[in-house]
Amino acid sequence: MDTRDEVRDFLRTRRERITPQQVGLPDFGGARRVKGLRREELALVAGMSVDYYIRLERGNLTGVSESVLESLSRALRLDDAEHAHLFDLARLQNASSATRRKTPTSKVRPNVQRVLDSMTAPAWVRNGRSDFLAGNALARALYAPLFLASSGTPNTARFAFLDPRGKDFWREWDVVASDMVAVLRAEAARSPFDKGLTDLIGELSTRSEAFRQRWAAHGVMRHNTGTKRLHHPEVGDLDLTYESMELVTDTGLTLVVYGAEPGSPSDERLQLLANLTATAAATTVPEPEDA
């Protein structure tokens, strides 16, 4: 990732979405030749000189203090994910070579797998590039279409953009697709030396117009909690809530747990899926060992 280009485009797209009225500046009517705020207007709101802001929007965050970043974040009305992204970009641009080489892990410890297997709800572990690294039996059953894709580590972003079954699986595919791109862009600033992430973004950019359009919007977000509306090929529509928790010991890994409203149709269908999964496991005949 070219950090200067990323900073420039991120600040520009955030500035262009803000109107003078939103930040308390007078609007004298007439056509404006720029979208959103002018650079001098943003500088005024942020409490800095125009020249200094232009330097920032050209992609140069070298030596910028936290107080300046905070002022800029407030002026741009950044949400929590965007605020974190701005600071990630600044840290990346100001990092020494010794601090820039940390790569997230993609290995799930046996104890984490045991925790997953002990849970009755669908639970799985992903990394920042959306690989499905481990899960319990119900999570694998829930994501069964994902495992029908090409060989290799299952990846939800690749499934969403490159596999036609993705649009059937996620009932709100447009929302899911935009969120996935925003998560990947935020991760790219946190883990710029993750070659697997870089390769994935390159692959999706090359093969998917839908991905390219969303990538150009420079949206960022973090998946912490929310709702997924799925269509499962065996049990039908599911409306599930999810909670995401970072595994502190395992850099870059996140535990995701799903649930349904007790007594709801989704709860009944999820229980049906659990029963089908348990029955299939009980009737599976193990292959005989070689003599």
C-alpha atoms as a PDB file:
ATOM      1  CA  MET A   1       0.000   0.000   0.000  1.00  0.00           C
ATOM      2  CA  ASP A   2       1.311   3.454  -0.943  1.00  0.00           C
ATOM      3  CA  THR A   3       0.826   5.295   2.333  1.00  0.00           C
ATOM      4  CA  ARG A   4       0.948   8.802   0.883  1.00  0.00           C
ATOM      5  CA  ASP A   5      -1.686   7.963  -1.726  1.00  0.00           C
ATOM      6  CA  GLU A   6      -3.832   6.299   0.924  1.00  0.00           C
ATOM      7  CA  VAL A   7      -3.632   9.338   3.230  1.00  0.00           C
ATOM      8  CA  ARG A   8      -4.358  11.733   0.376  1.00  0.00           C
ATOM      9  CA  ASP A   9      -7.402   9.860  -0.908  1.00  0.00           C
ATOM     10  CA  PHE A  10      -8.752   9.125   2.564  1.00  0.00           C
ATOM     11  CA  LEU A  11      -8.620  12.777   3.668  1.00  0.00           C
ATOM     12  CA  ARG A  12     -10.001  14.017   0.351  1.00  0.00           C
ATOM     13  CA  THR A  13     -12.976  11.633   0.334  1.00  0.00           C
ATOM     14  CA  ARG A  14     -13.796  12.427   3.977  1.00  0.00           C
ATOM     15  CA  ARG A  15     -13.601  16.190   3.300  1.00  0.00           C
ATOM     16  CA  GLU A  16     -15.802  15.943   0.215  1.00  0.00           C
ATOM     17  CA  ARG A  17     -18.686  14.383   2.115  1.00  0.00           C
ATOM     18  CA  ILE A  18     -19.048  17.286   4.609  1.00  0.00           C
ATOM     19  CA  THR A  19     -21.212  20.323   3.875  1.00  0.00           C
ATOM     20  CA  PRO A  20     -20.595  23.822   5.286  1.00  0.00           C
ATOM     21  CA  GLN A  21     -23.860  23.597   7.226  1.00  0.00           C
ATOM     22  CA  GLN A  22     -22.670  20.486   9.057  1.00  0.00           C
ATOM     23  CA  VAL A  23     -19.713  22.333  10.565  1.00  0.00           C
ATOM     24  CA  GLY A  24     -21.459  25.649  11.180  1.00  0.00           C
ATOM     25  CA  LEU A  25     -20.024  27.598   8.247  1.00  0.00           C
ATOM     26  CA  PRO A  26     -22.211  30.030   6.277  1.00  0.00           C
ATOM     27  CA  ASP A  27     -23.470  28.943   2.886  1.00  0.00           C
ATOM     28  CA  PHE A  28     -24.056  31.910   0.603  1.00  0.00           C
ATOM     29  CA  GLY A  29     -25.884  29.892  -2.020  1.00  0.00           C
ATOM     30  CA  GLY A  30     -24.972  29.398  -5.624  1.00  0.00           C
ATOM     31  CA  ALA A  31     -23.173  26.496  -7.205  1.00  0.00           C
ATOM     32  CA  ARG A  32     -20.021  25.273  -5.475  1.00  0.00           C
ATOM     33  CA  ARG A  33     -17.238  24.067  -7.726  1.00  0.00           C
ATOM     34  CA  VAL A  34     -16.080  21.429  -5.229  1.00  0.00           C
ATOM     35  CA  LYS A  35     -17.855  18.629  -3.405  1.00  0.00           C
ATOM     36  CA  GLY A  36     -18.083  19.129   0.314  1.00  0.00           C
ATOM     37  CA  LEU A  37     -15.778  21.558   2.081  1.00  0.00           C
ATOM     38  CA  ARG A  38     -13.008  23.502   0.422  1.00  0.00           C
ATOM     39  CA  ARG A  39      -9.529  22.910   1.814  1.00  0.00           C
ATOM     40  CA  GLU A  40      -9.433  26.358   3.381  1.00  0.00           C
ATOM     41  CA  GLU A  41     -12.792  25.716   5.069  1.00  0.00           C
ATOM     42  CA  LEU A  42     -11.609  22.434   6.504  1.00  0.00           C
ATOM     43  CA  ALA A  43      -8.405  24.073   7.738  1.00  0.00           C
ATOM     44  CA  LEU A  44     -10.451  26.760   9.478  1.00  0.00           C
ATOM     45  CA  VAL A  45     -12.639  24.190  11.229  1.00  0.00           C
ATOM     46  CA  ALA A  46      -9.586  22.118  12.235  1.00  0.00           C
ATOM     47  CA  GLY A  47      -7.747  25.168  13.586  1.00  0.00           C
ATOM     48  CA  MET A  48      -4.696  24.990  11.329  1.00  0.00           C
ATOM     49  CA  SER A  49      -3.254  26.978   8.474  1.00  0.00           C
ATOM     50  CA  VAL A  50      -4.352  26.252   4.935  1.00  0.00           C
ATOM     51  CA  ASP A  51      -0.772  25.469   3.891  1.00  0.00           C
ATOM     52  CA  TYR A  52      -0.418  22.963   6.716  1.00  0.00           C
ATOM     53  CA  TYR A  53      -3.657  21.202   5.845  1.00  0.00           C
ATOM     54  CA  ILE A  54      -2.685  21.060   2.165  1.00  0.00           C
ATOM     55  CA  ARG A  55       0.537  19.353   3.249  1.00  0.00           C
ATOM     56  CA  LEU A  56      -1.511  16.746   5.139  1.00  0.00           C
ATOM     57  CA  GLU A  57      -3.906  16.142   2.273  1.00  0.00           C
ATOM     58  CA  ARG A  58      -0.991  15.641  -0.058  1.00  0.00           C
ATOM     59  CA  GLY A  59      -0.307  12.553   2.020  1.00  0.00           C
ATOM     60  CA  ASN A  60       2.402  13.775   4.371  1.00  0.00           C
ATOM     61  CA  LEU A  61       1.717  12.853   8.001  1.00  0.00           C
ATOM     62  CA  THR A  62       5.369  12.773   8.974  1.00  0.00           C
ATOM     63  CA  GLY A  63       5.876  14.174  12.449  1.00  0.00           C
ATOM     64  CA  VAL A  64       2.204  15.062  12.932  1.00  0.00           C
ATOM     65  CA  SER A  65       1.231  15.158  16.603  1.00  0.00           C
ATOM     66  CA  GLU A  66      -1.704  13.316  18.141  1.00  0.00           C
ATOM     67  CA  SER A  67      -3.371  16.639  18.966  1.00  0.00           C
ATOM     68  CA  VAL A  68      -3.318  17.633  15.284  1.00  0.00           C
ATOM     69  CA  LEU A  69      -4.738  14.255  14.298  1.00  0.00           C
ATOM     70  CA  GLU A  70      -7.478  14.635  16.893  1.00  0.00           C
ATOM     71  CA  SER A  71      -8.361  18.101  15.567  1.00  0.00           C
ATOM     72  CA  LEU A  72      -8.411  16.773  12.041  1.00  0.00           C
ATOM     73  CA  SER A  73     -10.586  13.825  13.083  1.00  0.00           C
ATOM     74  CA  ARG A  74     -13.116  16.123  14.735  1.00  0.00           C
ATOM     75  CA  ALA A  75     -13.203  18.484  11.766  1.00  0.00           C
ATOM     76  CA  LEU A  76     -13.766  15.589   9.364  1.00  0.00           C
ATOM     77  CA  ARG A  77     -16.394  14.079  11.674  1.00  0.00           C
ATOM     78  CA  LEU A  78     -14.716  10.683  11.582  1.00  0.00           C
ATOM     79  CA  ASP A  79     -16.412   7.762  13.261  1.00  0.00           C
ATOM     80  CA  ASP A  80     -14.493   5.401  15.544  1.00  0.00           C
ATOM     81  CA  ALA A  81     -13.250   3.157  12.732  1.00  0.00           C
ATOM     82  CA  GLU A  82     -12.182   6.126  10.585  1.00  0.00           C
ATOM     83  CA  HIS A  83     -10.478   7.767  13.565  1.00  0.00           C
ATOM     84  CA  ALA A  84      -8.505   4.561  14.200  1.00  0.00           C
ATOM     85  CA  HIS A  85      -7.651   4.322  10.491  1.00  0.00           C
ATOM     86  CA  LEU A  86      -6.233   7.849  10.437  1.00  0.00           C
ATOM     87  CA  PHE A  87      -4.022   7.050  13.423  1.00  0.00           C
ATOM     88  CA  ASP A  88      -2.980   3.732  11.855  1.00  0.00           C
ATOM     89  CA  LEU A  89      -1.885   5.572   8.711  1.00  0.00           C
ATOM     90  CA  ALA A  90       0.063   8.102  10.764  1.00  0.00           C
ATOM     91  CA  ARG A  91       1.780   5.360  12.766  1.00  0.00           C
ATOM     92  CA  LEU A  92       2.629   3.499   9.583  1.00  0.00           C
ATOM     93  CA  GLN A  93       4.126   6.570   7.927  1.00  0.00           C
ATOM     94  CA  ASN A  94       6.163   7.447  11.012  1.00  0.00           C
ATOM     95  CA  ALA A  95       7.246   3.915  11.960  1.00  0.00           C
ATOM     96  CA  SER A  96      10.870   2.849  11.870  1.00  0.00           C
ATOM     97  CA  SER A  97      11.853  -0.237   9.902  1.00  0.00           C
ATOM     98  CA  ALA A  98      12.211  -2.165  13.156  1.00  0.00           C
ATOM     99  CA  THR A  99       8.568  -1.602  14.086  1.00  0.00           C
ATOM    100  CA  ARG A 100       7.035  -2.170  10.664  1.00  0.00           C
ATOM    101  CA  ARG A 101       7.605  -5.889  10.213  1.00  0.00           C
ATOM    102  CA  LYS A 102       5.037  -7.458  12.503  1.00  0.00           C
ATOM    103  CA  THR A 103       2.781  -9.795  10.542  1.00  0.00           C
ATOM    104  CA  PRO A 104      -0.453 -11.173  11.997  1.00  0.00           C
ATOM    105  CA  THR A 105      -0.545 -14.874  12.729  1.00  0.00           C
ATOM    106  CA  SER A 106      -2.738 -17.290  10.789  1.00  0.00           C
ATOM    107  CA  LYS A 107      -2.377 -20.239  13.142  1.00  0.00           C
ATOM    108  CA  VAL A 108      -5.071 -21.224  15.619  1.00  0.00           C
ATOM    109  CA  ARG A 109      -3.791 -22.801  18.816  1.00  0.00           C
ATOM    110  CA  PRO A 110      -5.247 -26.183  19.868  1.00  0.00           C
ATOM    111  CA  ASN A 111      -6.663 -24.636  23.033  1.00  0.00           C
ATOM    112  CA  VAL A 112      -8.623 -22.111  20.965  1.00  0.00           C
ATOM    113  CA  GLN A 113     -10.071 -24.971  18.922  1.00  0.00           C
ATOM    114  CA  ARG A 114     -11.104 -26.716  22.142  1.00  0.00           C
ATOM    115  CA  VAL A 115     -12.889 -23.537  23.235  1.00  0.00           C
ATOM    116  CA  LEU A 116     -14.717 -23.396  19.897  1.00  0.00           C
ATOM    117  CA  ASP A 117     -15.767 -27.028  20.183  1.00  0.00           C
ATOM    118  CA  SER A 118     -17.137 -26.459  23.697  1.00  0.00           C
ATOM    119  CA  MET A 119     -19.542 -23.740  22.494  1.00  0.00           C
ATOM    120  CA  THR A 120     -23.095 -24.587  21.453  1.00  0.00           C
ATOM    121  CA  ALA A 121     -23.489 -21.487  19.282  1.00  0.00           C
ATOM    122  CA  PRO A 122     -21.820 -21.163  15.847  1.00  0.00           C
ATOM    123  CA  ALA A 123     -18.312 -19.837  16.541  1.00  0.00           C
ATOM    124  CA  TRP A 124     -15.303 -19.409  14.298  1.00  0.00           C
ATOM    125  CA  VAL A 125     -11.956 -17.640  14.086  1.00  0.00           C
ATOM    126  CA  ARG A 126     -10.892 -15.379  11.237  1.00  0.00           C
ATOM    127  CA  ASN A 127      -7.871 -13.237  10.519  1.00  0.00           C
ATOM    128  CA  GLY A 128      -7.822  -9.709   9.136  1.00  0.00           C
ATOM    129  CA  ARG A 129      -8.063 -10.866   5.543  1.00  0.00           C
ATOM    130  CA  SER A 130     -11.299 -12.800   6.222  1.00  0.00           C
ATOM    131  CA  ASP A 131      -9.891 -16.334   6.140  1.00  0.00           C
ATOM    132  CA  PHE A 132     -12.038 -18.922   7.932  1.00  0.00           C
ATOM    133  CA  LEU A 133      -9.212 -20.429   9.997  1.00  0.00           C
ATOM    134  CA  ALA A 134     -11.124 -22.572  12.503  1.00  0.00           C
ATOM    135  CA  GLY A 135     -14.639 -23.166  13.720  1.00  0.00           C
ATOM    136  CA  ASN A 136     -16.869 -25.559  15.571  1.00  0.00           C
ATOM    137  CA  ALA A 137     -19.075 -28.033  13.733  1.00  0.00           C
ATOM    138  CA  LEU A 138     -22.108 -25.731  13.743  1.00  0.00           C
ATOM    139  CA  ALA A 139     -20.136 -22.804  12.314  1.00  0.00           C
ATOM    140  CA  ARG A 140     -18.811 -25.005   9.526  1.00  0.00           C
ATOM    141  CA  ALA A 141     -22.347 -26.205   8.832  1.00  0.00           C
ATOM    142  CA  LEU A 142     -23.629 -22.627   8.835  1.00  0.00           C
ATOM    143  CA  TYR A 143     -20.961 -21.637   6.317  1.00  0.00           C
ATOM    144  CA  ALA A 144     -21.297 -24.843   4.282  1.00  0.00           C
ATOM    145  CA  PRO A 145     -21.476 -22.994   0.910  1.00  0.00           C
ATOM    146  CA  LEU A 146     -18.123 -21.367   1.674  1.00  0.00           C
ATOM    147  CA  PHE A 147     -16.469 -24.781   1.861  1.00  0.00           C
ATOM    148  CA  LEU A 148     -17.807 -25.750  -1.569  1.00  0.00           C
ATOM    149  CA  ALA A 149     -15.632 -23.089  -3.182  1.00  0.00           C
ATOM    150  CA  SER A 150     -12.188 -23.696  -4.653  1.00  0.00           C
ATOM    151  CA  SER A 151      -9.501 -25.489  -2.664  1.00  0.00           C
ATOM    152  CA  GLY A 152      -7.349 -23.664  -0.152  1.00  0.00           C
ATOM    153  CA  THR A 153      -8.211 -21.738   2.977  1.00  0.00           C
ATOM    154  CA  PRO A 154     -11.877 -20.644   2.810  1.00  0.00           C
ATOM    155  CA  ASN A 155     -12.130 -16.864   2.560  1.00  0.00           C
ATOM    156  CA  THR A 156     -15.391 -14.969   2.981  1.00  0.00           C
ATOM    157  CA  ALA A 157     -14.309 -11.950   0.910  1.00  0.00           C
ATOM    158  CA  ARG A 158     -13.266 -14.119  -2.012  1.00  0.00           C
ATOM    159  CA  PHE A 159     -16.531 -16.052  -1.678  1.00  0.00           C
ATOM    160  CA  ALA A 160     -18.576 -12.836  -1.660  1.00  0.00           C
ATOM    161  CA  PHE A 161     -17.016 -11.296  -4.760  1.00  0.00           C
ATOM    162  CA  LEU A 162     -15.882 -14.233  -6.896  1.00  0.00           C
ATOM    163  CA  ASP A 163     -18.388 -17.019  -6.211  1.00  0.00           C
ATOM    164  CA  PRO A 164     -21.965 -16.611  -7.523  1.00  0.00           C
ATOM    165  CA  ARG A 165     -23.230 -18.512  -4.468  1.00  0.00           C
ATOM    166  CA  GLY A 166     -22.185 -15.583  -2.292  1.00  0.00           C
ATOM    167  CA  LYS A 167     -25.130 -13.465  -3.443  1.00  0.00           C
ATOM    168  CA  ASP A 168     -27.517 -16.274  -2.554  1.00  0.00           C
ATOM    169  CA  PHE A 169     -25.926 -16.871   0.844  1.00  0.00           C
ATOM    170  CA  TRP A 170     -25.998 -13.246   2.049  1.00  0.00           C
ATOM    171  CA  ARG A 171     -29.502 -11.865   1.660  1.00  0.00           C
ATOM    172  CA  GLU A 172     -28.156  -8.307   2.007  1.00  0.00           C
ATOM    173  CA  TRP A 173     -25.213  -8.879  -0.276  1.00  0.00           C
ATOM    174  CA  ASP A 174     -24.664  -5.197  -1.146  1.00  0.00           C
ATOM    175  CA  VAL A 175     -24.313  -4.273   2.520  1.00  0.00           C
ATOM    176  CA  VAL A 176     -22.082  -7.260   3.279  1.00  0.00           C
ATOM    177  CA  ALA A 177     -19.873  -6.551   0.261  1.00  0.00           C
ATOM    178  CA  SER A 178     -19.351  -2.894   1.209  1.00  0.00           C
ATOM    179  CA  ASP A 179     -18.615  -3.848   4.804  1.00  0.00           C
ATOM    180  CA  MET A 180     -16.072  -6.468   3.741  1.00  0.00           C
ATOM    181  CA  VAL A 181     -14.181  -3.986   1.585  1.00  0.00           C
ATOM    182  CA  ALA A 182     -14.178  -1.423   4.395  1.00  0.00           C
ATOM    183  CA  VAL A 183     -12.814  -4.030   6.818  1.00  0.00           C
ATOM    184  CA  LEU A 184     -10.066  -5.042   4.382  1.00  0.00           C
ATOM    185  CA  ARG A 185      -9.013  -1.415   3.848  1.00  0.00           C
ATOM    186  CA  ALA A 186      -8.779  -0.812   7.582  1.00  0.00           C
ATOM    187  CA  GLU A 187      -6.761  -4.008   7.947  1.00  0.00           C
ATOM    188  CA  ALA A 188      -4.404  -2.927   5.154  1.00  0.00           C
ATOM    189  CA  ALA A 189      -3.333   0.063   7.274  1.00  0.00           C
ATOM    190  CA  ARG A 190      -2.878  -2.100  10.376  1.00  0.00           C
ATOM    191  CA  SER A 191      -1.022  -4.917   8.604  1.00  0.00           C
ATOM    192  CA  PRO A 192       0.724  -3.398   5.570  1.00  0.00           C
ATOM    193  CA  PHE A 193       3.308  -6.184   5.385  1.00  0.00           C
ATOM    194  CA  ASP A 194       0.804  -9.034   5.310  1.00  0.00           C
ATOM    195  CA  LYS A 195       1.557 -10.473   1.863  1.00  0.00           C
ATOM    196  CA  GLY A 196      -1.540 -12.650   1.943  1.00  0.00           C
ATOM    197  CA  LEU A 197      -3.691  -9.568   2.455  1.00  0.00           C
ATOM    198  CA  THR A 198      -1.930  -7.664  -0.317  1.00  0.00           C
ATOM    199  CA  ASP A 199      -2.352 -10.613  -2.689  1.00  0.00           C
ATOM    200  CA  LEU A 200      -6.050 -10.936  -1.818  1.00  0.00           C
ATOM    201  CA  ILE A 201      -6.739  -7.243  -2.453  1.00  0.00           C
ATOM    202  CA  GLY A 202      -4.861  -7.471  -5.746  1.00  0.00           C
ATOM    203  CA  GLU A 203      -6.815 -10.553  -6.803  1.00  0.00           C
ATOM    204  CA  LEU A 204     -10.197  -9.036  -5.952  1.00  0.00           C
ATOM    205  CA  SER A 205      -9.291  -5.721  -7.603  1.00  0.00           C
ATOM    206  CA  THR A 206      -8.341  -7.538 -10.790  1.00  0.00           C
ATOM    207  CA  ARG A 207     -11.287  -9.917 -10.970  1.00  0.00           C
ATOM    208  CA  SER A 208     -14.235  -7.992  -9.505  1.00  0.00           C
ATOM    209  CA  GLU A 209     -15.647  -4.680 -10.692  1.00  0.00           C
ATOM    210  CA  ALA A 210     -17.914  -4.607  -7.627  1.00  0.00           C
ATOM    211  CA  PHE A 211     -14.845  -4.786  -5.409  1.00  0.00           C
ATOM    212  CA  ARG A 212     -12.988  -2.080  -7.369  1.00  0.00           C
ATOM    213  CA  GLN A 213     -15.906   0.346  -7.076  1.00  0.00           C
ATOM    214  CA  ARG A 214     -16.151  -0.141  -3.327  1.00  0.00           C
ATOM    215  CA  TRP A 215     -12.394   0.039  -2.825  1.00  0.00           C
ATOM    216  CA  ALA A 216     -12.319   3.438  -4.526  1.00  0.00           C
ATOM    217  CA  ALA A 217     -14.745   4.816  -1.912  1.00  0.00           C
ATOM    218  CA  HIS A 218     -12.063   4.526   0.844  1.00  0.00           C
ATOM    219  CA  GLY A 219     -14.581   3.402   3.431  1.00  0.00           C
ATOM    220  CA  VAL A 220     -13.256   1.777   6.614  1.00  0.00           C
ATOM    221  CA  MET A 221     -14.973  -0.096   9.419  1.00  0.00           C
ATOM    222  CA  ARG A 222     -14.424  -2.732  12.069  1.00  0.00           C
ATOM    223  CA  HIS A 223     -16.705  -5.700  12.525  1.00  0.00           C
ATOM    224  CA  ASN A 224     -17.482  -5.750  16.239  1.00  0.00           C
ATOM    225  CA  THR A 225     -21.182  -6.475  16.467  1.00  0.00           C
ATOM    226  CA  GLY A 226     -24.179  -6.531  14.198  1.00  0.00           C
ATOM    227  CA  THR A 227     -26.675  -8.672  12.309  1.00  0.00           C
ATOM    228  CA  LYS A 228     -26.248 -11.088   9.421  1.00  0.00           C
ATOM    229  CA  ARG A 229     -29.189 -12.118   7.248  1.00  0.00           C
ATOM    230  CA  LEU A 230     -28.297 -15.415   5.610  1.00  0.00           C
ATOM    231  CA  HIS A 231     -29.982 -17.964   3.384  1.00  0.00           C
ATOM    232  CA  HIS A 232     -28.812 -21.449   4.256  1.00  0.00           C
ATOM    233  CA  PRO A 233     -29.376 -24.135   1.576  1.00  0.00           C
ATOM    234  CA  GLU A 234     -30.710 -26.658   4.139  1.00  0.00           C
ATOM    235  CA  VAL A 235     -32.698 -24.665   6.697  1.00  0.00           C
ATOM    236  CA  GLY A 236     -33.617 -21.463   4.861  1.00  0.00           C
ATOM    237  CA  ASP A 237     -33.456 -17.838   6.003  1.00  0.00           C
ATOM    238  CA  LEU A 238     -31.591 -16.957   9.183  1.00  0.00           C
ATOM    239  CA  ASP A 239     -31.412 -13.600  10.957  1.00  0.00           C
ATOM    240  CA  LEU A 240     -28.428 -13.855  13.292  1.00  0.00           C
ATOM    241  CA  THR A 241     -26.651 -11.440  15.583  1.00  0.00           C
ATOM    242  CA  TYR A 242     -22.898 -11.648  15.985  1.00  0.00           C
ATOM    243  CA  GLU A 243     -20.246 -10.525  18.421  1.00  0.00           C
ATOM    244  CA  SER A 244     -16.560 -10.292  17.521  1.00  0.00           C
ATOM    245  CA  MET A 245     -13.741 -10.467  20.058  1.00  0.00           C
ATOM    246  CA  GLU A 246     -10.044 -10.114  19.336  1.00  0.00           C
ATOM    247  CA  LEU A 247      -7.860 -12.911  20.664  1.00  0.00           C
ATOM    248  CA  VAL A 248      -5.350 -10.886  22.635  1.00  0.00           C
ATOM    249  CA  THR A 249      -2.696 -13.605  22.698  1.00  0.00           C
ATOM    250  CA  ASP A 250      -2.966 -14.269  18.957  1.00  0.00           C
ATOM    251  CA  THR A 251      -2.149 -11.145  16.978  1.00  0.00           C
ATOM    252  CA  GLY A 252      -4.678 -10.399  14.260  1.00  0.00           C
ATOM    253  CA  LEU A 253      -7.140 -13.196  15.053  1.00  0.00           C
ATOM    254  CA  THR A 254     -10.796 -12.592  15.915  1.00  0.00           C
ATOM    255  CA  LEU A 255     -13.385 -14.895  17.453  1.00  0.00           C
ATOM    256  CA  VAL A 256     -16.867 -14.485  15.956  1.00  0.00           C
ATOM    257  CA  VAL A 257     -19.941 -15.936  17.699  1.00  0.00           C
ATOM    258  CA  TYR A 258     -23.457 -16.019  16.235  1.00  0.00           C
ATOM    259  CA  GLY A 259     -26.814 -16.190  17.964  1.00  0.00           C
ATOM    260  CA  ALA A 260     -30.533 -15.884  17.264  1.00  0.00           C
ATOM    261  CA  GLU A 261     -33.427 -14.306  19.153  1.00  0.00           C
ATOM    262  CA  PRO A 262     -34.750 -16.997  21.508  1.00  0.00           C
ATOM    263  CA  GLY A 263     -37.996 -18.513  20.244  1.00  0.00           C
ATOM    264  CA  SER A 264     -37.738 -16.836  16.845  1.00  0.00           C
ATOM    265  CA  PRO A 265     -37.988 -18.713  13.524  1.00  0.00           C
ATOM    266  CA  SER A 266     -34.245 -18.182  13.095  1.00  0.00           C
ATOM    267  CA  ASP A 267     -33.632 -19.771  16.505  1.00  0.00           C
ATOM    268  CA  GLU A 268     -35.700 -22.804  15.483  1.00  0.00           C
ATOM    269  CA  ARG A 269     -33.884 -23.107  12.156  1.00  0.00           C
ATOM    270  CA  LEU A 270     -30.503 -22.773  13.812  1.00  0.00           C
ATOM    271  CA  GLN A 271     -31.452 -25.564  16.227  1.00  0.00           C
ATOM    272  CA  LEU A 272     -32.571 -27.659  13.261  1.00  0.00           C
ATOM    273  CA  LEU A 273     -29.183 -27.105  11.637  1.00  0.00           C
ATOM    274  CA  ALA A 274     -27.480 -28.125  14.883  1.00  0.00           C
ATOM    275  CA  ASN A 275     -29.535 -31.340  14.986  1.00  0.00           C
ATOM    276  CA  LEU A 276     -28.764 -32.137  11.350  1.00  0.00           C
ATOM    277  CA  THR A 277     -25.068 -31.528  11.998  1.00  0.00           C
ATOM    278  CA  ALA A 278     -25.041 -33.750  15.071  1.00  0.00           C
ATOM    279  CA  THR A 279     -26.910 -36.518  13.222  1.00  0.00           C
ATOM    280  CA  ALA A 280     -24.502 -36.367  10.295  1.00  0.00           C
ATOM    281  CA  ALA A 281     -21.533 -36.595  12.662  1.00  0.00           C
ATOM    282  CA  ALA A 282     -23.023 -39.557  14.519  1.00  0.00           C
ATOM    283  CA  THR A 283     -23.686 -41.516  11.321  1.00  0.00           C
ATOM    284  CA  THR A 284     -20.322 -40.856   9.737  1.00  0.00           C
ATOM    285  CA  VAL A 285     -18.377 -44.093   9.550  1.00  0.00           C
ATOM    286  CA  PRO A 286     -14.650 -43.593  10.168  1.00  0.00           C
ATOM    287  CA  GLU A 287     -12.347 -44.963   7.515  1.00  0.00           C
ATOM    288  CA  PRO A 288     -10.464 -48.082   8.655  1.00  0.00           C
ATOM    289  CA  GLU A 289      -6.854 -47.626   9.547  1.00  0.00           C
ATOM    290  CA  ASP A 290      -4.207 -49.343   7.480  1.00  0.00           C
ATOM    291  CA  ALA A 291      -3.179 -52.668   8.925  1.00  0.00           C
END
